[in-house]
Each structure stands twice: as structure tokens, then as C-alpha cells.
N, C-alpha and C. Protein backbone atom coordinates (compact mmCIF):
# COMPACT_ATOMS: atom_id res chain seq x y z
N MET A 1 25.77 -2.03 -30.98
CA MET A 1 26.67 -1.20 -31.74
C MET A 1 27.36 -0.19 -30.82
N PHE A 2 26.57 0.42 -29.92
CA PHE A 2 27.12 1.39 -28.98
C PHE A 2 28.16 0.73 -28.08
N ALA A 3 27.86 -0.48 -27.61
CA ALA A 3 28.78 -1.19 -26.73
C ALA A 3 30.11 -1.47 -27.45
N PHE A 4 30.05 -1.77 -28.72
CA PHE A 4 31.26 -2.02 -29.50
C PHE A 4 32.18 -0.80 -29.46
N PHE A 5 31.62 0.39 -29.70
CA PHE A 5 32.43 1.60 -29.72
C PHE A 5 32.94 1.95 -28.32
N VAL A 6 32.14 1.70 -27.30
CA VAL A 6 32.58 1.97 -25.94
C VAL A 6 33.77 1.08 -25.60
N VAL A 7 33.67 -0.20 -25.93
CA VAL A 7 34.77 -1.13 -25.64
C VAL A 7 36.01 -0.76 -26.42
N ARG A 8 35.84 -0.32 -27.66
CA ARG A 8 36.99 0.03 -28.49
C ARG A 8 37.65 1.34 -28.08
N LEU A 9 36.87 2.31 -27.64
CA LEU A 9 37.40 3.65 -27.40
C LEU A 9 37.87 3.89 -25.97
N LEU A 10 37.33 3.18 -24.99
CA LEU A 10 37.73 3.41 -23.61
C LEU A 10 38.89 2.51 -23.23
N PRO A 11 39.84 3.04 -22.48
CA PRO A 11 40.96 2.19 -22.04
C PRO A 11 40.49 1.14 -21.04
N ARG A 12 41.25 0.05 -20.93
CA ARG A 12 40.87 -1.07 -20.06
C ARG A 12 40.85 -0.68 -18.58
N ASP A 13 41.71 0.22 -18.18
CA ASP A 13 41.79 0.58 -16.77
C ASP A 13 40.88 1.76 -16.41
N TRP A 14 39.94 2.11 -17.27
CA TRP A 14 39.02 3.19 -16.99
C TRP A 14 38.08 2.77 -15.87
N SER A 15 38.03 3.54 -14.82
CA SER A 15 37.19 3.18 -13.67
C SER A 15 36.01 4.14 -13.55
N GLY A 16 35.35 4.41 -14.63
CA GLY A 16 34.22 5.33 -14.63
C GLY A 16 33.02 4.81 -13.88
N LEU A 17 32.92 3.48 -13.69
CA LEU A 17 31.78 2.94 -12.98
C LEU A 17 31.82 3.24 -11.49
N GLU A 18 32.92 3.80 -11.02
CA GLU A 18 33.00 4.20 -9.62
C GLU A 18 32.43 5.60 -9.41
N TRP A 19 32.13 6.29 -10.46
CA TRP A 19 31.57 7.63 -10.34
C TRP A 19 30.17 7.54 -9.76
N PRO A 20 29.78 8.46 -8.90
CA PRO A 20 28.45 8.42 -8.28
C PRO A 20 27.29 8.49 -9.26
N ILE A 21 27.52 9.08 -10.42
CA ILE A 21 26.43 9.21 -11.39
C ILE A 21 25.98 7.85 -11.93
N PHE A 22 26.86 6.84 -11.89
CA PHE A 22 26.52 5.53 -12.42
C PHE A 22 25.87 4.62 -11.39
N ARG A 23 25.86 5.00 -10.12
CA ARG A 23 25.31 4.12 -9.08
C ARG A 23 23.86 3.74 -9.29
N PRO A 24 22.96 4.67 -9.67
CA PRO A 24 21.57 4.26 -9.91
C PRO A 24 21.44 3.24 -11.05
N ALA A 25 22.23 3.40 -12.09
CA ALA A 25 22.17 2.44 -13.20
C ALA A 25 22.67 1.07 -12.76
N ILE A 26 23.71 1.05 -11.94
CA ILE A 26 24.22 -0.22 -11.44
C ILE A 26 23.19 -0.89 -10.54
N LYS A 27 22.55 -0.09 -9.68
CA LYS A 27 21.53 -0.64 -8.78
C LYS A 27 20.35 -1.20 -9.58
N CYS A 28 19.95 -0.51 -10.65
CA CYS A 28 18.87 -1.01 -11.50
C CYS A 28 19.28 -2.31 -12.20
N GLY A 29 20.54 -2.41 -12.57
CA GLY A 29 21.03 -3.64 -13.18
C GLY A 29 21.06 -4.81 -12.21
N GLN A 30 21.34 -4.53 -10.95
CA GLN A 30 21.36 -5.58 -9.94
C GLN A 30 19.96 -6.10 -9.64
N GLN A 31 18.96 -5.25 -9.81
CA GLN A 31 17.56 -5.64 -9.57
C GLN A 31 16.80 -5.63 -10.90
N SER A 32 17.39 -6.20 -11.92
CA SER A 32 16.88 -6.03 -13.27
C SER A 32 15.49 -6.63 -13.48
N PHE A 33 15.20 -7.77 -12.87
CA PHE A 33 13.88 -8.39 -13.09
C PHE A 33 12.77 -7.51 -12.55
N GLU A 34 12.94 -7.01 -11.33
CA GLU A 34 11.91 -6.16 -10.74
C GLU A 34 11.76 -4.86 -11.52
N VAL A 35 12.87 -4.29 -11.94
CA VAL A 35 12.83 -3.04 -12.70
C VAL A 35 12.18 -3.26 -14.06
N PHE A 36 12.46 -4.40 -14.69
CA PHE A 36 11.85 -4.70 -15.98
C PHE A 36 10.34 -4.83 -15.84
N CYS A 37 9.89 -5.58 -14.83
CA CYS A 37 8.45 -5.76 -14.63
C CYS A 37 7.75 -4.44 -14.33
N ALA A 38 8.37 -3.61 -13.52
CA ALA A 38 7.79 -2.29 -13.24
C ALA A 38 7.78 -1.42 -14.49
N GLY A 39 8.81 -1.55 -15.31
CA GLY A 39 8.88 -0.77 -16.54
C GLY A 39 7.76 -1.12 -17.51
N ILE A 40 7.38 -2.40 -17.55
CA ILE A 40 6.25 -2.80 -18.40
C ILE A 40 4.97 -2.12 -17.94
N PHE A 41 4.72 -2.17 -16.63
CA PHE A 41 3.53 -1.52 -16.09
C PHE A 41 3.58 -0.01 -16.33
N LEU A 42 4.73 0.61 -16.07
CA LEU A 42 4.86 2.05 -16.22
C LEU A 42 4.72 2.50 -17.66
N SER A 43 5.10 1.65 -18.60
CA SER A 43 4.94 2.04 -20.01
C SER A 43 3.47 2.17 -20.38
N PHE A 44 2.63 1.27 -19.86
CA PHE A 44 1.19 1.39 -20.11
C PHE A 44 0.62 2.63 -19.42
N ALA A 45 1.06 2.88 -18.20
CA ALA A 45 0.60 4.07 -17.48
C ALA A 45 1.04 5.34 -18.20
N ALA A 46 2.27 5.37 -18.69
CA ALA A 46 2.77 6.54 -19.41
C ALA A 46 2.01 6.75 -20.71
N HIS A 47 1.71 5.68 -21.41
CA HIS A 47 0.93 5.79 -22.65
C HIS A 47 -0.44 6.38 -22.35
N PHE A 48 -1.07 5.90 -21.29
CA PHE A 48 -2.39 6.42 -20.90
C PHE A 48 -2.31 7.91 -20.60
N VAL A 49 -1.31 8.32 -19.85
CA VAL A 49 -1.16 9.74 -19.50
C VAL A 49 -0.93 10.57 -20.75
N LEU A 50 -0.10 10.10 -21.65
CA LEU A 50 0.21 10.89 -22.85
C LEU A 50 -0.98 10.98 -23.80
N VAL A 51 -1.78 9.93 -23.85
CA VAL A 51 -2.94 9.95 -24.75
C VAL A 51 -4.09 10.75 -24.15
N GLU A 52 -4.34 10.58 -22.88
CA GLU A 52 -5.51 11.19 -22.26
C GLU A 52 -5.27 12.62 -21.77
N ILE A 53 -4.07 12.94 -21.34
CA ILE A 53 -3.83 14.26 -20.76
C ILE A 53 -3.16 15.19 -21.76
N SER A 54 -1.97 14.84 -22.19
CA SER A 54 -1.25 15.69 -23.12
C SER A 54 -0.12 14.90 -23.75
N GLY A 55 0.12 15.16 -25.01
CA GLY A 55 1.19 14.47 -25.71
C GLY A 55 2.32 15.39 -26.13
N THR A 56 2.39 16.56 -25.50
CA THR A 56 3.43 17.52 -25.87
C THR A 56 4.80 16.99 -25.48
N ILE A 57 5.81 17.58 -26.05
CA ILE A 57 7.18 17.15 -25.80
C ILE A 57 7.54 17.31 -24.32
N TRP A 58 7.06 18.38 -23.70
CA TRP A 58 7.37 18.60 -22.28
C TRP A 58 6.73 17.52 -21.41
N MET A 59 5.52 17.12 -21.76
CA MET A 59 4.86 16.05 -21.00
C MET A 59 5.59 14.73 -21.21
N GLN A 60 6.08 14.48 -22.40
CA GLN A 60 6.84 13.25 -22.65
C GLN A 60 8.12 13.22 -21.82
N ILE A 61 8.78 14.37 -21.71
CA ILE A 61 10.00 14.45 -20.91
C ILE A 61 9.69 14.21 -19.44
N VAL A 62 8.62 14.84 -18.94
CA VAL A 62 8.24 14.67 -17.53
C VAL A 62 7.87 13.22 -17.24
N VAL A 63 7.08 12.61 -18.12
CA VAL A 63 6.68 11.22 -17.92
C VAL A 63 7.90 10.30 -17.94
N SER A 64 8.84 10.56 -18.82
CA SER A 64 10.06 9.74 -18.87
C SER A 64 10.89 9.89 -17.61
N ILE A 65 11.08 11.10 -17.15
CA ILE A 65 11.87 11.33 -15.93
C ILE A 65 11.21 10.69 -14.73
N VAL A 66 9.90 10.84 -14.61
CA VAL A 66 9.18 10.23 -13.49
C VAL A 66 9.30 8.71 -13.54
N GLY A 67 9.21 8.13 -14.73
CA GLY A 67 9.34 6.67 -14.87
C GLY A 67 10.71 6.18 -14.46
N VAL A 68 11.75 6.88 -14.89
CA VAL A 68 13.11 6.48 -14.53
C VAL A 68 13.32 6.60 -13.02
N LEU A 69 12.82 7.67 -12.43
CA LEU A 69 12.95 7.85 -10.98
C LEU A 69 12.20 6.77 -10.21
N MET A 70 11.02 6.40 -10.69
CA MET A 70 10.25 5.35 -10.01
C MET A 70 10.94 3.99 -10.11
N MET A 71 11.50 3.68 -11.26
CA MET A 71 12.22 2.41 -11.41
C MET A 71 13.49 2.39 -10.56
N THR A 72 14.18 3.52 -10.48
CA THR A 72 15.37 3.60 -9.66
C THR A 72 15.02 3.47 -8.18
N ALA A 73 13.93 4.11 -7.76
CA ALA A 73 13.49 3.99 -6.37
C ALA A 73 13.11 2.55 -6.06
N LEU A 74 12.46 1.88 -6.99
CA LEU A 74 12.12 0.47 -6.80
C LEU A 74 13.38 -0.38 -6.65
N ALA A 75 14.38 -0.11 -7.46
CA ALA A 75 15.63 -0.89 -7.38
C ALA A 75 16.31 -0.70 -6.02
N TYR A 76 16.35 0.54 -5.54
CA TYR A 76 16.95 0.78 -4.23
C TYR A 76 16.13 0.13 -3.11
N TYR A 77 14.81 0.20 -3.23
CA TYR A 77 13.95 -0.42 -2.21
C TYR A 77 14.14 -1.93 -2.18
N ARG A 78 14.15 -2.57 -3.36
CA ARG A 78 14.30 -4.04 -3.41
C ARG A 78 15.68 -4.45 -2.90
N SER A 79 16.69 -3.67 -3.18
CA SER A 79 18.03 -3.98 -2.67
C SER A 79 18.05 -3.88 -1.15
N TRP A 80 17.45 -2.82 -0.62
CA TRP A 80 17.36 -2.66 0.83
C TRP A 80 16.55 -3.78 1.45
N SER A 81 15.44 -4.14 0.82
CA SER A 81 14.57 -5.18 1.34
C SER A 81 15.28 -6.54 1.38
N LYS A 82 16.02 -6.86 0.33
CA LYS A 82 16.75 -8.13 0.30
C LYS A 82 17.84 -8.15 1.37
N ASN A 83 18.52 -7.03 1.56
CA ASN A 83 19.56 -6.96 2.60
C ASN A 83 18.95 -7.05 4.00
N ALA A 84 17.78 -6.47 4.19
CA ALA A 84 17.12 -6.54 5.49
C ALA A 84 16.67 -7.96 5.80
N ASP A 85 16.25 -8.70 4.78
CA ASP A 85 15.83 -10.08 4.99
C ASP A 85 17.02 -10.98 5.35
N LYS A 86 18.19 -10.67 4.83
CA LYS A 86 19.38 -11.48 5.08
C LYS A 86 20.08 -11.11 6.39
N ALA A 87 19.74 -9.98 6.97
CA ALA A 87 20.43 -9.52 8.18
C ALA A 87 20.16 -10.50 9.32
N PRO A 88 21.20 -10.82 10.07
CA PRO A 88 20.99 -11.74 11.19
C PRO A 88 20.16 -11.09 12.29
N THR A 89 19.28 -11.86 12.85
CA THR A 89 18.45 -11.34 13.93
C THR A 89 19.17 -11.58 15.26
N LYS A 90 18.97 -10.66 16.16
CA LYS A 90 19.59 -10.81 17.48
C LYS A 90 18.73 -11.75 18.31
N ILE A 91 19.36 -12.77 18.84
CA ILE A 91 18.65 -13.77 19.63
C ILE A 91 18.74 -13.38 21.10
N LYS A 92 17.59 -13.27 21.72
CA LYS A 92 17.56 -12.95 23.13
C LYS A 92 17.69 -14.25 23.92
N PRO A 93 18.59 -14.29 24.91
CA PRO A 93 18.71 -15.51 25.69
C PRO A 93 17.50 -15.71 26.60
N ASN A 94 17.07 -16.95 26.68
CA ASN A 94 15.97 -17.29 27.57
C ASN A 94 16.51 -17.44 28.98
N VAL A 95 16.06 -16.62 29.87
CA VAL A 95 16.50 -16.69 31.25
C VAL A 95 15.33 -17.23 32.06
N ALA A 96 15.54 -18.37 32.68
CA ALA A 96 14.48 -18.95 33.49
C ALA A 96 14.34 -18.16 34.78
N ALA A 97 13.12 -17.91 35.13
CA ALA A 97 12.87 -17.15 36.36
C ALA A 97 13.19 -18.01 37.57
N ALA A 98 14.00 -17.45 38.43
CA ALA A 98 14.34 -18.17 39.65
C ALA A 98 13.18 -18.04 40.65
N GLY A 99 12.81 -19.13 41.18
CA GLY A 99 11.63 -19.02 42.02
C GLY A 99 11.69 -19.74 43.23
């Protein structure tokens, strides 16, 4: 429903996705499988923290912010890791020792 209104109300040439504030969301979307799997684990951890330590509204806000930051950090790490794996390695030439 929200997407419907966004598509209807924003002009076609709106380039808001170039704003720096959207970069973490885009990075999480590019690494969606890893972020989803981490989110499942973090939801159980967050539930445990809220039940065992405190369930106040401030604790819920802190747990949510920490979870979002951890998933975003994971997305950036996985993106960096995939790019590092694809980077060409420098080949050292074999020089035979003259003897």
C-alpha cells in the first residue's frame, strides 16, 4: 500500500536514491539474503534481551537501533568481502636464477 502511494505521488525523475541517507538501505537490499538470515537470528536475540533484561520502550528502541546497525554492518562487510574475492591478484613473474 505504501509503495502504491510513493509511486503515485513522486515524480518519475525524482533522484532521491542518490541521497547519502539511502545508501545503507540500498546496500542491505543488495545483500538481502545475508541480511535476512542475520535478522532472523537477531530477532531471537532481541526477544531474549527484552524478556530477560527489560521490556521498556527505551530498551526496545535501543535493541531496534542496534539490530539495524548490525545488519547494515553485515551488508557492508559482505559487499566488501565479495569485491575482495573478485579482485584480480597480482601475478609475480617467475625469474629463473642464473647460475
